[in-house]
Amino acid sequence: MNLTVRNIPASCTEQEVREFLRKELGHYAVGVAVYEAGTPNAYAVVELDADEPYVGEVIARHMQGLHLKGASLDASSPLFGDEPPARH
């Protein structure tokens, strides 16, 4: 199951995003991929170690309340099926 995190500030490096998400998600974050780092379109896809779809939704709601360098993060995890492509 994947979690997509958007609204990542352009001032963040790929490493900063990866470290922040790993710290916040702990053992749930199996892998973190950051795309378009350093741009206004930056986003990350986190592979979650969770078997039930509702766990991804709970984690996404938790992420909605977090800030990275002053920006409120936007996170989503599909409840069923594949997630649509990332917005640009």
PDB file of N, CA and C in Angstrom:
ATOM      1  N   MET A   1       0.839  -1.160   0.000  1.00  0.00           N
ATOM      2  CA  MET A   1       0.000   0.000   0.000  1.00  0.00           C
ATOM      3  C   MET A   1       0.896   1.238   0.000  1.00  0.00           C
ATOM      4  N   ASN A   2       0.488   2.237  -0.751  1.00  0.00           N
ATOM      5  CA  ASN A   2       1.281   3.453  -0.862  1.00  0.00           C
ATOM      6  C   ASN A   2       0.553   4.661  -0.294  1.00  0.00           C
ATOM      7  N   LEU A   3       1.333   5.593   0.169  1.00  0.00           N
ATOM      8  CA  LEU A   3       0.855   6.872   0.664  1.00  0.00           C
ATOM      9  C   LEU A   3       1.531   7.935  -0.184  1.00  0.00           C
ATOM     10  N   THR A   4       0.755   8.846  -0.750  1.00  0.00           N
ATOM     11  CA  THR A   4       1.320   9.936  -1.541  1.00  0.00           C
ATOM     12  C   THR A   4       1.264  11.213  -0.710  1.00  0.00           C
ATOM     13  N   VAL A   5       2.393  11.889  -0.626  1.00  0.00           N
ATOM     14  CA  VAL A   5       2.485  13.126   0.163  1.00  0.00           C
ATOM     15  C   VAL A   5       2.830  14.262  -0.804  1.00  0.00           C
ATOM     16  N   ARG A   6       1.981  15.286  -0.784  1.00  0.00           N
ATOM     17  CA  ARG A   6       2.164  16.436  -1.673  1.00  0.00           C
ATOM     18  C   ARG A   6       2.321  17.714  -0.849  1.00  0.00           C
ATOM     19  N   ASN A   7       2.496  18.822  -1.552  1.00  0.00           N
ATOM     20  CA  ASN A   7       2.682  20.141  -0.958  1.00  0.00           C
ATOM     21  C   ASN A   7       4.001  20.213  -0.189  1.00  0.00           C
ATOM     22  N   ILE A   8       4.994  19.548  -0.725  1.00  0.00           N
ATOM     23  CA  ILE A   8       6.339  19.585  -0.146  1.00  0.00           C
ATOM     24  C   ILE A   8       7.021  20.866  -0.620  1.00  0.00           C
ATOM     25  N   PRO A   9       7.540  21.666   0.285  1.00  0.00           N
ATOM     26  CA  PRO A   9       8.173  22.926  -0.111  1.00  0.00           C
ATOM     27  C   PRO A   9       9.345  22.711  -1.078  1.00  0.00           C
ATOM     28  N   ALA A  10       9.467  23.610  -2.030  1.00  0.00           N
ATOM     29  CA  ALA A  10      10.556  23.537  -3.002  1.00  0.00           C
ATOM     30  C   ALA A  10      11.912  23.690  -2.327  1.00  0.00           C
ATOM     31  N   SER A  11      11.946  24.268  -1.136  1.00  0.00           N
ATOM     32  CA  SER A  11      13.214  24.465  -0.431  1.00  0.00           C
ATOM     33  C   SER A  11      13.736  23.180   0.216  1.00  0.00           C
ATOM     34  N   CYS A  12      12.942  22.121   0.198  1.00  0.00           N
ATOM     35  CA  CYS A  12      13.362  20.852   0.805  1.00  0.00           C
ATOM     36  C   CYS A  12      14.158  20.002  -0.180  1.00  0.00           C
ATOM     37  N   THR A  13      15.210  19.414   0.328  1.00  0.00           N
ATOM     38  CA  THR A  13      15.977  18.474  -0.484  1.00  0.00           C
ATOM     39  C   THR A  13      15.321  17.102  -0.400  1.00  0.00           C
ATOM     40  N   GLU A  14      15.700  16.243  -1.315  1.00  0.00           N
ATOM     41  CA  GLU A  14      15.195  14.877  -1.316  1.00  0.00           C
ATOM     42  C   GLU A  14      15.506  14.181   0.011  1.00  0.00           C
ATOM     43  N   GLN A  15      16.721  14.390   0.508  1.00  0.00           N
ATOM     44  CA  GLN A  15      17.141  13.765   1.761  1.00  0.00           C
ATOM     45  C   GLN A  15      16.325  14.276   2.947  1.00  0.00           C
ATOM     46  N   GLU A  16      16.054  15.579   2.991  1.00  0.00           N
ATOM     47  CA  GLU A  16      15.249  16.140   4.085  1.00  0.00           C
ATOM     48  C   GLU A  16      13.847  15.538   4.104  1.00  0.00           C
ATOM     49  N   VAL A  17      13.246  15.407   2.933  1.00  0.00           N
ATOM     50  CA  VAL A  17      11.904  14.839   2.842  1.00  0.00           C
ATOM     51  C   VAL A  17      11.925  13.386   3.302  1.00  0.00           C
ATOM     52  N   ARG A  18      12.883  12.631   2.807  1.00  0.00           N
ATOM     53  CA  ARG A  18      12.994  11.218   3.157  1.00  0.00           C
ATOM     54  C   ARG A  18      13.165  11.044   4.676  1.00  0.00           C
ATOM     55  N   GLU A  19      14.061  11.816   5.281  1.00  0.00           N
ATOM     56  CA  GLU A  19      14.304  11.719   6.721  1.00  0.00           C
ATOM     57  C   GLU A  19      13.066  12.120   7.527  1.00  0.00           C
ATOM     58  N   PHE A  20      12.404  13.179   7.108  1.00  0.00           N
ATOM     59  CA  PHE A  20      11.206  13.643   7.804  1.00  0.00           C
ATOM     60  C   PHE A  20      10.126  12.559   7.787  1.00  0.00           C
ATOM     61  N   LEU A  21       9.871  11.986   6.614  1.00  0.00           N
ATOM     62  CA  LEU A  21       8.821  10.973   6.498  1.00  0.00           C
ATOM     63  C   LEU A  21       9.172   9.700   7.259  1.00  0.00           C
ATOM     64  N   ARG A  22      10.416   9.303   7.203  1.00  0.00           N
ATOM     65  CA  ARG A  22      10.816   8.107   7.960  1.00  0.00           C
ATOM     66  C   ARG A  22      10.671   8.331   9.461  1.00  0.00           C
ATOM     67  N   LYS A  23      11.022   9.525   9.916  1.00  0.00           N
ATOM     68  CA  LYS A  23      10.897   9.844  11.343  1.00  0.00           C
ATOM     69  C   LYS A  23       9.427   9.845  11.755  1.00  0.00           C
ATOM     70  N   GLU A  24       8.577  10.481  10.974  1.00  0.00           N
ATOM     71  CA  GLU A  24       7.158  10.600  11.321  1.00  0.00           C
ATOM     72  C   GLU A  24       6.413   9.270  11.214  1.00  0.00           C
ATOM     73  N   LEU A  25       6.784   8.441  10.247  1.00  0.00           N
ATOM     74  CA  LEU A  25       6.035   7.204  10.006  1.00  0.00           C
ATOM     75  C   LEU A  25       6.649   5.974  10.654  1.00  0.00           C
ATOM     76  N   GLY A  26       7.871   6.107  11.143  1.00  0.00           N
ATOM     77  CA  GLY A  26       8.504   5.005  11.854  1.00  0.00           C
ATOM     78  C   GLY A  26       8.510   3.706  11.068  1.00  0.00           C
ATOM     79  N   HIS A  27       8.120   2.625  11.736  1.00  0.00           N
ATOM     80  CA  HIS A  27       8.180   1.298  11.117  1.00  0.00           C
ATOM     81  C   HIS A  27       7.180   1.111   9.983  1.00  0.00           C
ATOM     82  N   TYR A  28       6.205   2.008   9.842  1.00  0.00           N
ATOM     83  CA  TYR A  28       5.245   1.888   8.739  1.00  0.00           C
ATOM     84  C   TYR A  28       5.876   2.215   7.386  1.00  0.00           C
ATOM     85  N   ALA A  29       6.925   3.037   7.388  1.00  0.00           N
ATOM     86  CA  ALA A  29       7.567   3.444   6.135  1.00  0.00           C
ATOM     87  C   ALA A  29       8.604   2.414   5.706  1.00  0.00           C
ATOM     88  N   VAL A  30       8.237   1.595   4.722  1.00  0.00           N
ATOM     89  CA  VAL A  30       9.152   0.579   4.205  1.00  0.00           C
ATOM     90  C   VAL A  30      10.109   1.219   3.207  1.00  0.00           C
ATOM     91  N   GLY A  31       9.596   2.097   2.381  1.00  0.00           N
ATOM     92  CA  GLY A  31      10.407   2.782   1.383  1.00  0.00           C
ATOM     93  C   GLY A  31       9.834   4.153   1.103  1.00  0.00           C
ATOM     94  N   VAL A  32      10.717   5.100   0.774  1.00  0.00           N
ATOM     95  CA  VAL A  32      10.290   6.463   0.473  1.00  0.00           C
ATOM     96  C   VAL A  32      10.961   6.896  -0.830  1.00  0.00           C
ATOM     97  N   ALA A  33      10.148   7.280  -1.797  1.00  0.00           N
ATOM     98  CA  ALA A  33      10.663   7.813  -3.059  1.00  0.00           C
ATOM     99  C   ALA A  33      10.199   9.255  -3.183  1.00  0.00           C
ATOM    100  N   VAL A  34      11.128  10.160  -3.488  1.00  0.00           N
ATOM    101  CA  VAL A  34      10.813  11.580  -3.610  1.00  0.00           C
ATOM    102  C   VAL A  34      10.984  11.968  -5.079  1.00  0.00           C
ATOM    103  N   TYR A  35       9.994  12.649  -5.617  1.00  0.00           N
ATOM    104  CA  TYR A  35       9.996  13.043  -7.021  1.00  0.00           C
ATOM    105  C   TYR A  35       9.955  14.554  -7.147  1.00  0.00           C
ATOM    106  N   GLU A  36      10.656  15.072  -8.103  1.00  0.00           N
ATOM    107  CA  GLU A  36      10.688  16.494  -8.437  1.00  0.00           C
ATOM    108  C   GLU A  36      11.105  17.368  -7.245  1.00  0.00           C
ATOM    109  N   ALA A  37      12.003  16.861  -6.418  1.00  0.00           N
ATOM    110  CA  ALA A  37      12.498  17.627  -5.264  1.00  0.00           C
ATOM    111  C   ALA A  37      13.076  18.953  -5.738  1.00  0.00           C
ATOM    112  N   GLY A  38      12.864  19.977  -4.945  1.00  0.00           N
ATOM    113  CA  GLY A  38      13.380  21.298  -5.276  1.00  0.00           C
ATOM    114  C   GLY A  38      12.493  22.077  -6.232  1.00  0.00           C
ATOM    115  N   THR A  39      11.319  21.543  -6.536  1.00  0.00           N
ATOM    116  CA  THR A  39      10.369  22.230  -7.413  1.00  0.00           C
ATOM    117  C   THR A  39       9.039  22.384  -6.694  1.00  0.00           C
ATOM    118  N   PRO A  40       8.161  23.246  -7.195  1.00  0.00           N
ATOM    119  CA  PRO A  40       6.841  23.392  -6.575  1.00  0.00           C
ATOM    120  C   PRO A  40       5.973  22.134  -6.731  1.00  0.00           C
ATOM    121  N   ASN A  41       6.366  21.227  -7.622  1.00  0.00           N
ATOM    122  CA  ASN A  41       5.597  20.004  -7.861  1.00  0.00           C
ATOM    123  C   ASN A  41       6.111  18.809  -7.072  1.00  0.00           C
ATOM    124  N   ALA A  42       6.989  19.032  -6.119  1.00  0.00           N
ATOM    125  CA  ALA A  42       7.602  17.923  -5.376  1.00  0.00           C
ATOM    126  C   ALA A  42       6.551  17.101  -4.651  1.00  0.00           C
ATOM    127  N   TYR A  43       6.744  15.788  -4.686  1.00  0.00           N
ATOM    128  CA  TYR A  43       5.869  14.884  -3.946  1.00  0.00           C
ATOM    129  C   TYR A  43       6.648  13.627  -3.605  1.00  0.00           C
ATOM    130  N   ALA A  44       6.120  12.875  -2.669  1.00  0.00           N
ATOM    131  CA  ALA A  44       6.774  11.639  -2.239  1.00  0.00           C
ATOM    132  C   ALA A  44       5.752  10.517  -2.233  1.00  0.00           C
ATOM    133  N   VAL A  45       6.245   9.326  -2.519  1.00  0.00           N
ATOM    134  CA  VAL A  45       5.423   8.123  -2.425  1.00  0.00           C
ATOM    135  C   VAL A  45       6.086   7.235  -1.385  1.00  0.00           C
ATOM    136  N   VAL A  46       5.312   6.897  -0.357  1.00  0.00           N
ATOM    137  CA  VAL A  46       5.818   6.077   0.735  1.00  0.00           C
ATOM    138  C   VAL A  46       5.171   4.699   0.641  1.00  0.00           C
ATOM    139  N   GLU A  47       5.995   3.673   0.590  1.00  0.00           N
ATOM    140  CA  GLU A  47       5.477   2.314   0.647  1.00  0.00           C
ATOM    141  C   GLU A  47       5.238   1.991   2.112  1.00  0.00           C
ATOM    142  N   LEU A  48       3.994   1.663   2.439  1.00  0.00           N
ATOM    143  CA  LEU A  48       3.614   1.396   3.826  1.00  0.00           C
ATOM    144  C   LEU A  48       3.616  -0.092   4.128  1.00  0.00           C
ATOM    145  N   ASP A  49       4.055  -0.424   5.320  1.00  0.00           N
ATOM    146  CA  ASP A  49       4.000  -1.795   5.808  1.00  0.00           C
ATOM    147  C   ASP A  49       2.679  -1.953   6.548  1.00  0.00           C
ATOM    148  N   ALA A  50       1.598  -2.102   5.775  1.00  0.00           N
ATOM    149  CA  ALA A  50       0.263  -2.241   6.350  1.00  0.00           C
ATOM    150  C   ALA A  50      -0.566  -3.109   5.415  1.00  0.00           C
ATOM    151  N   ASP A  51      -1.321  -4.018   5.999  1.00  0.00           N
ATOM    152  CA  ASP A  51      -2.124  -4.932   5.197  1.00  0.00           C
ATOM    153  C   ASP A  51      -3.548  -4.441   4.973  1.00  0.00           C
ATOM    154  N   GLU A  52      -4.060  -3.655   5.864  1.00  0.00           N
ATOM    155  CA  GLU A  52      -5.445  -3.204   5.784  1.00  0.00           C
ATOM    156  C   GLU A  52      -5.520  -1.796   5.192  1.00  0.00           C
ATOM    157  N   PRO A  53      -6.418  -1.576   4.210  1.00  0.00           N
ATOM    158  CA  PRO A  53      -6.525  -0.260   3.575  1.00  0.00           C
ATOM    159  C   PRO A  53      -6.805   0.868   4.553  1.00  0.00           C
ATOM    160  N   TYR A  54      -7.575   0.611   5.605  1.00  0.00           N
ATOM    161  CA  TYR A  54      -7.917   1.691   6.532  1.00  0.00           C
ATOM    162  C   TYR A  54      -6.687   2.219   7.268  1.00  0.00           C
ATOM    163  N   VAL A  55      -5.655   1.399   7.420  1.00  0.00           N
ATOM    164  CA  VAL A  55      -4.430   1.857   8.084  1.00  0.00           C
ATOM    165  C   VAL A  55      -3.796   2.985   7.261  1.00  0.00           C
ATOM    166  N   GLY A  56      -3.763   2.808   5.952  1.00  0.00           N
ATOM    167  CA  GLY A  56      -3.236   3.861   5.070  1.00  0.00           C
ATOM    168  C   GLY A  56      -4.019   5.142   5.191  1.00  0.00           C
ATOM    169  N   GLU A  57      -5.325   5.033   5.313  1.00  0.00           N
ATOM    170  CA  GLU A  57      -6.172   6.215   5.456  1.00  0.00           C
ATOM    171  C   GLU A  57      -5.911   6.919   6.785  1.00  0.00           C
ATOM    172  N   VAL A  58      -5.751   6.161   7.854  1.00  0.00           N
ATOM    173  CA  VAL A  58      -5.454   6.743   9.163  1.00  0.00           C
ATOM    174  C   VAL A  58      -4.099   7.459   9.121  1.00  0.00           C
ATOM    175  N   ILE A  59      -3.123   6.846   8.501  1.00  0.00           N
ATOM    176  CA  ILE A  59      -1.796   7.466   8.384  1.00  0.00           C
ATOM    177  C   ILE A  59      -1.891   8.734   7.542  1.00  0.00           C
ATOM    178  N   ALA A  60      -2.651   8.702   6.458  1.00  0.00           N
ATOM    179  CA  ALA A  60      -2.823   9.892   5.614  1.00  0.00           C
ATOM    180  C   ALA A  60      -3.448  11.030   6.408  1.00  0.00           C
ATOM    181  N   ARG A  61      -4.436  10.722   7.226  1.00  0.00           N
ATOM    182  CA  ARG A  61      -5.068  11.766   8.047  1.00  0.00           C
ATOM    183  C   ARG A  61      -4.087  12.338   9.063  1.00  0.00           C
ATOM    184  N   HIS A  62      -3.250  11.485   9.616  1.00  0.00           N
ATOM    185  CA  HIS A  62      -2.209  11.951  10.542  1.00  0.00           C
ATOM    186  C   HIS A  62      -1.261  12.920   9.825  1.00  0.00           C
ATOM    187  N   MET A  63      -0.871  12.565   8.615  1.00  0.00           N
ATOM    188  CA  MET A  63       0.072  13.390   7.853  1.00  0.00           C
ATOM    189  C   MET A  63      -0.525  14.754   7.502  1.00  0.00           C
ATOM    190  N   GLN A  64      -1.857  14.818   7.345  1.00  0.00           N
ATOM    191  CA  GLN A  64      -2.513  16.078   6.998  1.00  0.00           C
ATOM    192  C   GLN A  64      -2.259  17.153   8.056  1.00  0.00           C
ATOM    193  N   GLY A  65      -2.034  16.756   9.281  1.00  0.00           N
ATOM    194  CA  GLY A  65      -1.820  17.719  10.351  1.00  0.00           C
ATOM    195  C   GLY A  65      -0.374  18.129  10.536  1.00  0.00           C
ATOM    196  N   LEU A  66       0.521  17.579   9.732  1.00  0.00           N
ATOM    197  CA  LEU A  66       1.946  17.870   9.892  1.00  0.00           C
ATOM    198  C   LEU A  66       2.411  18.983   8.962  1.00  0.00           C
ATOM    199  N   HIS A  67       3.464  19.651   9.399  1.00  0.00           N
ATOM    200  CA  HIS A  67       4.070  20.724   8.603  1.00  0.00           C
ATOM    201  C   HIS A  67       5.535  20.407   8.357  1.00  0.00           C
ATOM    202  N   LEU A  68       5.967  20.734   7.169  1.00  0.00           N
ATOM    203  CA  LEU A  68       7.374  20.586   6.796  1.00  0.00           C
ATOM    204  C   LEU A  68       7.847  21.935   6.305  1.00  0.00           C
ATOM    205  N   LYS A  69       8.776  22.528   7.035  1.00  0.00           N
ATOM    206  CA  LYS A  69       9.285  23.873   6.727  1.00  0.00           C
ATOM    207  C   LYS A  69       8.149  24.872   6.538  1.00  0.00           C
ATOM    208  N   GLY A  70       7.151  24.783   7.409  1.00  0.00           N
ATOM    209  CA  GLY A  70       6.043  25.734   7.398  1.00  0.00           C
ATOM    210  C   GLY A  70       4.902  25.393   6.456  1.00  0.00           C
ATOM    211  N   ALA A  71       5.062  24.385   5.620  1.00  0.00           N
ATOM    212  CA  ALA A  71       4.003  24.018   4.675  1.00  0.00           C
ATOM    213  C   ALA A  71       3.184  22.860   5.241  1.00  0.00           C
ATOM    214  N   SER A  72       1.874  22.992   5.163  1.00  0.00           N
ATOM    215  CA  SER A  72       0.972  21.931   5.589  1.00  0.00           C
ATOM    216  C   SER A  72       0.966  20.838   4.520  1.00  0.00           C
ATOM    217  N   LEU A  73       1.292  19.627   4.924  1.00  0.00           N
ATOM    218  CA  LEU A  73       1.378  18.531   3.965  1.00  0.00           C
ATOM    219  C   LEU A  73      -0.003  18.039   3.563  1.00  0.00           C
ATOM    220  N   ASP A  74      -0.079  17.531   2.343  1.00  0.00           N
ATOM    221  CA  ASP A  74      -1.301  16.932   1.810  1.00  0.00           C
ATOM    222  C   ASP A  74      -0.973  15.475   1.542  1.00  0.00           C
ATOM    223  N   ALA A  75      -1.721  14.558   2.153  1.00  0.00           N
ATOM    224  CA  ALA A  75      -1.423  13.134   1.999  1.00  0.00           C
ATOM    225  C   ALA A  75      -2.681  12.367   1.637  1.00  0.00           C
ATOM    226  N   SER A  76      -2.492  11.308   0.852  1.00  0.00           N
ATOM    227  CA  SER A  76      -3.627  10.462   0.490  1.00  0.00           C
ATOM    228  C   SER A  76      -3.162   9.028   0.312  1.00  0.00           C
ATOM    229  N   SER A  77      -4.076   8.137   0.610  1.00  0.00           N
ATOM    230  CA  SER A  77      -3.837   6.714   0.439  1.00  0.00           C
ATOM    231  C   SER A  77      -5.140   6.121  -0.064  1.00  0.00           C
ATOM    232  N   PRO A  78      -5.090   5.360  -1.151  1.00  0.00           N
ATOM    233  CA  PRO A  78      -6.337   4.820  -1.702  1.00  0.00           C
ATOM    234  C   PRO A  78      -6.935   3.762  -0.776  1.00  0.00           C
ATOM    235  N   LEU A  79      -8.235   3.831  -0.579  1.00  0.00           N
ATOM    236  CA  LEU A  79      -8.893   2.811   0.233  1.00  0.00           C
ATOM    237  C   LEU A  79      -9.029   1.508  -0.544  1.00  0.00           C
ATOM    238  N   PHE A  80      -9.284   1.623  -1.845  1.00  0.00           N
ATOM    239  CA  PHE A  80      -9.466   0.437  -2.664  1.00  0.00           C
ATOM    240  C   PHE A  80      -8.808   0.666  -4.021  1.00  0.00           C
ATOM    241  N   GLY A  81      -8.174  -0.359  -4.558  1.00  0.00           N
ATOM    242  CA  GLY A  81      -7.595  -0.288  -5.900  1.00  0.00           C
ATOM    243  C   GLY A  81      -6.347   0.547  -5.968  1.00  0.00           C
ATOM    244  N   ASP A  82      -5.957   0.862  -7.187  1.00  0.00           N
ATOM    245  CA  ASP A  82      -4.744   1.632  -7.431  1.00  0.00           C
ATOM    246  C   ASP A  82      -5.013   3.108  -7.245  1.00  0.00           C
ATOM    247  N   GLU A  83      -3.982   3.790  -6.831  1.00  0.00           N
ATOM    248  CA  GLU A  83      -4.074   5.230  -6.646  1.00  0.00           C
ATOM    249  C   GLU A  83      -3.921   5.915  -7.991  1.00  0.00           C
ATOM    250  N   PRO A  84      -4.676   6.997  -8.221  1.00  0.00           N
ATOM    251  CA  PRO A  84      -4.518   7.727  -9.479  1.00  0.00           C
ATOM    252  C   PRO A  84      -3.138   8.364  -9.555  1.00  0.00           C
ATOM    253  N   PRO A  85      -2.691   8.721 -10.758  1.00  0.00           N
ATOM    254  CA  PRO A  85      -1.371   9.339 -10.904  1.00  0.00           C
ATOM    255  C   PRO A  85      -1.259  10.627 -10.093  1.00  0.00           C
ATOM    256  N   ALA A  86      -0.053  10.985  -9.736  1.00  0.00           N
ATOM    257  CA  ALA A  86       0.190  12.198  -8.952  1.00  0.00           C
ATOM    258  C   ALA A  86      -0.186  13.432  -9.751  1.00  0.00           C
ATOM    259  N   ARG A  87      -0.678  14.444  -9.031  1.00  0.00           N
ATOM    260  CA  ARG A  87      -1.031  15.721  -9.671  1.00  0.00           C
ATOM    261  C   ARG A  87       0.236  16.506  -9.959  1.00  0.00           C
ATOM    262  N   HIS A  88       0.188  17.295 -10.999  1.00  0.00           N
ATOM    263  CA  HIS A  88       1.328  18.185 -11.318  1.00  0.00           C
ATOM    264  C   HIS A  88       0.849  19.582 -11.473  1.00  0.00           C
TER     265      HIS A  88
END
